[in-house]
Amino acid sequence: MTEARLSADGRTLTVSVPMTFTKRGGRKLVISPDGAPSWAPLRRRVDNATIKALARAFRWRKLMETGAYGTVEEIAAAEKINASYVSRVLRLTLLAPDIVEAILDGRQPPEMTLAALMQPFPVAWGEQLVQYASNMKPSTGGLPHQTD
């Protein structure tokens, strides 16, 4: 993966390391090539936008369950936002508990962004874990367990 070249005079060593830079919330994130071990220790990456969306989703679901609002359109009108956005955010309540916990702990994979979660995903928790859990950092209690 890496290349090293020695200059003709033998005094300069040039090392090329393939990498990609991705912007995440105004910060730059270095992503190592597929299959290459990461030299940096894994650290938690709390995604505040995704956490805020999860909190909204569960709050809106509770408001609907308690009868405070009867429809998505009523929530959208009260919040002064688009009903389709409310529907997409409410879908986050269907995520497997292990995935929600990983997001709250900052253990989600870098590609698990709010934009990615707003796209359709499997409803079955087992399928979600197959799709997402292989890239999640393990919790202190071990790897995520499957629940259906």
Protein backbone atom coordinates (compact mmCIF):
# COMPACT_ATOMS: atom_id res chain seq x y z
CA MET A 1 0.00 0.00 0.00
CA THR A 2 2.71 2.50 0.91
CA GLU A 3 5.57 3.32 -1.40
CA ALA A 4 9.04 4.46 -0.38
CA ARG A 5 11.56 6.03 -2.75
CA LEU A 6 15.13 7.00 -1.98
CA SER A 7 16.55 10.00 -3.80
CA ALA A 8 19.51 9.61 -6.15
CA ASP A 9 21.89 11.12 -3.59
CA GLY A 10 20.58 8.78 -0.86
CA ARG A 11 19.70 11.66 1.51
CA THR A 12 15.94 11.92 1.05
CA LEU A 13 13.37 9.22 1.61
CA THR A 14 9.91 9.92 0.20
CA VAL A 15 7.03 7.83 1.54
CA SER A 16 3.63 7.88 -0.20
CA VAL A 17 0.61 6.75 1.79
CA PRO A 18 -2.77 6.58 0.03
CA MET A 19 -5.51 8.27 2.07
CA THR A 20 -8.78 10.09 1.69
CA PHE A 21 -9.89 13.22 3.51
CA THR A 22 -13.57 13.53 4.39
CA LYS A 23 -15.22 16.54 6.00
CA ARG A 24 -17.37 15.62 9.01
CA GLY A 25 -19.05 18.46 10.81
CA GLY A 26 -16.35 20.96 9.81
CA ARG A 27 -13.54 18.60 10.85
CA LYS A 28 -11.35 16.60 8.52
CA LEU A 29 -11.25 12.84 8.96
CA VAL A 30 -8.50 10.69 7.45
CA ILE A 31 -9.81 7.41 6.08
CA SER A 32 -7.26 4.65 5.45
CA PRO A 33 -7.59 2.57 2.27
CA ASP A 34 -9.71 -0.60 2.37
CA GLY A 35 -7.91 -3.42 4.08
CA ALA A 36 -5.18 -1.22 5.51
CA PRO A 37 -4.83 -1.24 9.28
CA SER A 38 -5.45 2.10 10.93
CA TRP A 39 -2.45 3.39 12.82
CA ALA A 40 -4.57 5.78 14.88
CA PRO A 41 -6.37 4.41 17.93
CA LEU A 42 -10.14 4.22 17.58
CA ARG A 43 -11.86 7.05 19.37
CA ARG A 44 -15.46 7.82 19.94
CA ARG A 45 -17.09 10.17 17.47
CA VAL A 46 -20.28 11.66 18.84
CA ASP A 47 -22.48 12.90 15.99
CA ASN A 48 -24.62 15.62 17.59
CA ALA A 49 -26.89 16.03 14.55
CA THR A 50 -27.80 12.32 14.58
CA ILE A 51 -28.30 12.33 18.36
CA LYS A 52 -30.57 15.38 18.11
CA ALA A 53 -32.59 13.69 15.34
CA LEU A 54 -32.92 10.52 17.46
CA ALA A 55 -34.13 12.57 20.42
CA ARG A 56 -36.69 14.37 18.23
CA ALA A 57 -37.87 11.07 16.73
CA PHE A 58 -38.49 9.44 20.10
CA ARG A 59 -40.14 12.60 21.47
CA TRP A 60 -42.46 12.82 18.45
CA ARG A 61 -43.29 9.11 18.71
CA LYS A 62 -44.21 9.58 22.37
CA LEU A 63 -46.40 12.58 21.50
CA MET A 64 -48.25 10.43 18.96
CA GLU A 65 -48.56 7.46 21.33
CA THR A 66 -49.98 9.61 24.12
CA GLY A 67 -52.47 11.23 21.76
CA ALA A 68 -51.04 14.75 21.96
CA TYR A 69 -50.85 14.64 18.16
CA GLY A 70 -52.75 12.27 15.95
CA THR A 71 -50.83 12.58 12.69
CA VAL A 72 -47.45 13.42 11.26
CA GLU A 73 -49.03 16.49 9.67
CA GLU A 74 -50.10 17.81 13.10
CA ILE A 75 -46.54 17.45 14.43
CA ALA A 76 -45.16 19.15 11.32
CA ALA A 77 -47.58 22.05 11.71
CA ALA A 78 -46.76 22.44 15.40
CA GLU A 79 -42.99 22.32 14.75
CA LYS A 80 -43.30 24.46 11.58
CA ILE A 81 -41.41 21.92 9.47
CA ASN A 82 -42.16 19.69 6.48
CA ALA A 83 -44.28 16.58 7.13
CA SER A 84 -42.00 14.43 4.97
CA TYR A 85 -39.03 15.40 7.18
CA VAL A 86 -41.04 14.43 10.28
CA SER A 87 -41.81 11.05 8.67
CA ARG A 88 -38.16 10.39 7.80
CA VAL A 89 -37.00 11.34 11.31
CA LEU A 90 -39.72 9.24 12.95
CA ARG A 91 -38.38 6.23 11.03
CA LEU A 92 -35.23 6.46 13.24
CA THR A 93 -37.33 4.99 16.08
CA LEU A 94 -37.26 1.72 14.11
CA LEU A 95 -33.48 1.34 14.47
CA ALA A 96 -32.25 -1.63 16.47
CA PRO A 97 -31.49 -0.75 20.11
CA ASP A 98 -27.83 -1.78 19.63
CA ILE A 99 -27.49 0.70 16.77
CA VAL A 100 -29.13 3.51 18.76
CA GLU A 101 -26.81 2.74 21.69
CA ALA A 102 -23.77 2.77 19.40
CA ILE A 103 -24.79 6.18 18.02
CA LEU A 104 -25.32 7.60 21.51
CA ASP A 105 -21.92 6.21 22.61
CA GLY A 106 -20.14 7.50 19.48
CA ARG A 107 -19.27 3.97 18.29
CA GLN A 108 -21.07 4.16 14.93
CA PRO A 109 -19.05 3.74 11.73
CA PRO A 110 -18.04 6.95 9.92
CA GLU A 111 -20.45 6.27 7.07
CA MET A 112 -23.43 6.09 9.48
CA THR A 113 -24.40 9.75 9.23
CA LEU A 114 -27.78 11.37 9.65
CA ALA A 115 -28.03 11.74 5.87
CA ALA A 116 -27.38 8.00 5.44
CA LEU A 117 -29.91 7.08 8.14
CA MET A 118 -32.57 9.26 6.50
CA GLN A 119 -32.43 6.89 3.51
CA PRO A 120 -34.58 3.74 3.63
CA PHE A 121 -33.13 0.96 5.79
CA PRO A 122 -34.39 -2.54 6.71
CA VAL A 123 -37.05 -2.63 9.41
CA ALA A 124 -35.90 -5.99 10.84
CA TRP A 125 -33.27 -5.44 13.53
CA GLY A 126 -31.27 -8.48 12.44
CA GLU A 127 -30.96 -7.11 8.91
CA GLN A 128 -29.96 -3.70 10.26
CA LEU A 129 -27.22 -5.26 12.35
CA VAL A 130 -25.93 -7.18 9.33
CA GLN A 131 -25.92 -3.94 7.33
CA TYR A 132 -24.38 -1.68 10.00
CA ALA A 133 -22.90 -3.65 12.91
CA SER A 134 -19.93 -5.09 11.03
CA ASN A 135 -18.46 -1.57 10.98
CA MET A 136 -19.43 -0.53 14.53
CA LYS A 137 -16.74 -0.22 17.16
CA PRO A 138 -17.28 -2.73 19.96
CA SER A 139 -18.70 -1.47 23.23
CA THR A 140 -16.96 -2.09 26.51
CA GLY A 141 -19.41 -4.91 27.06
CA GLY A 142 -18.46 -6.71 23.85
CA LEU A 143 -19.83 -6.87 20.34
CA PRO A 144 -23.44 -5.91 19.64
CA HIS A 145 -25.86 -8.77 20.09
CA GLN A 146 -28.62 -9.58 17.64
CA THR A 147 -32.21 -9.16 18.69
CA ASP A 148 -35.25 -9.59 16.48
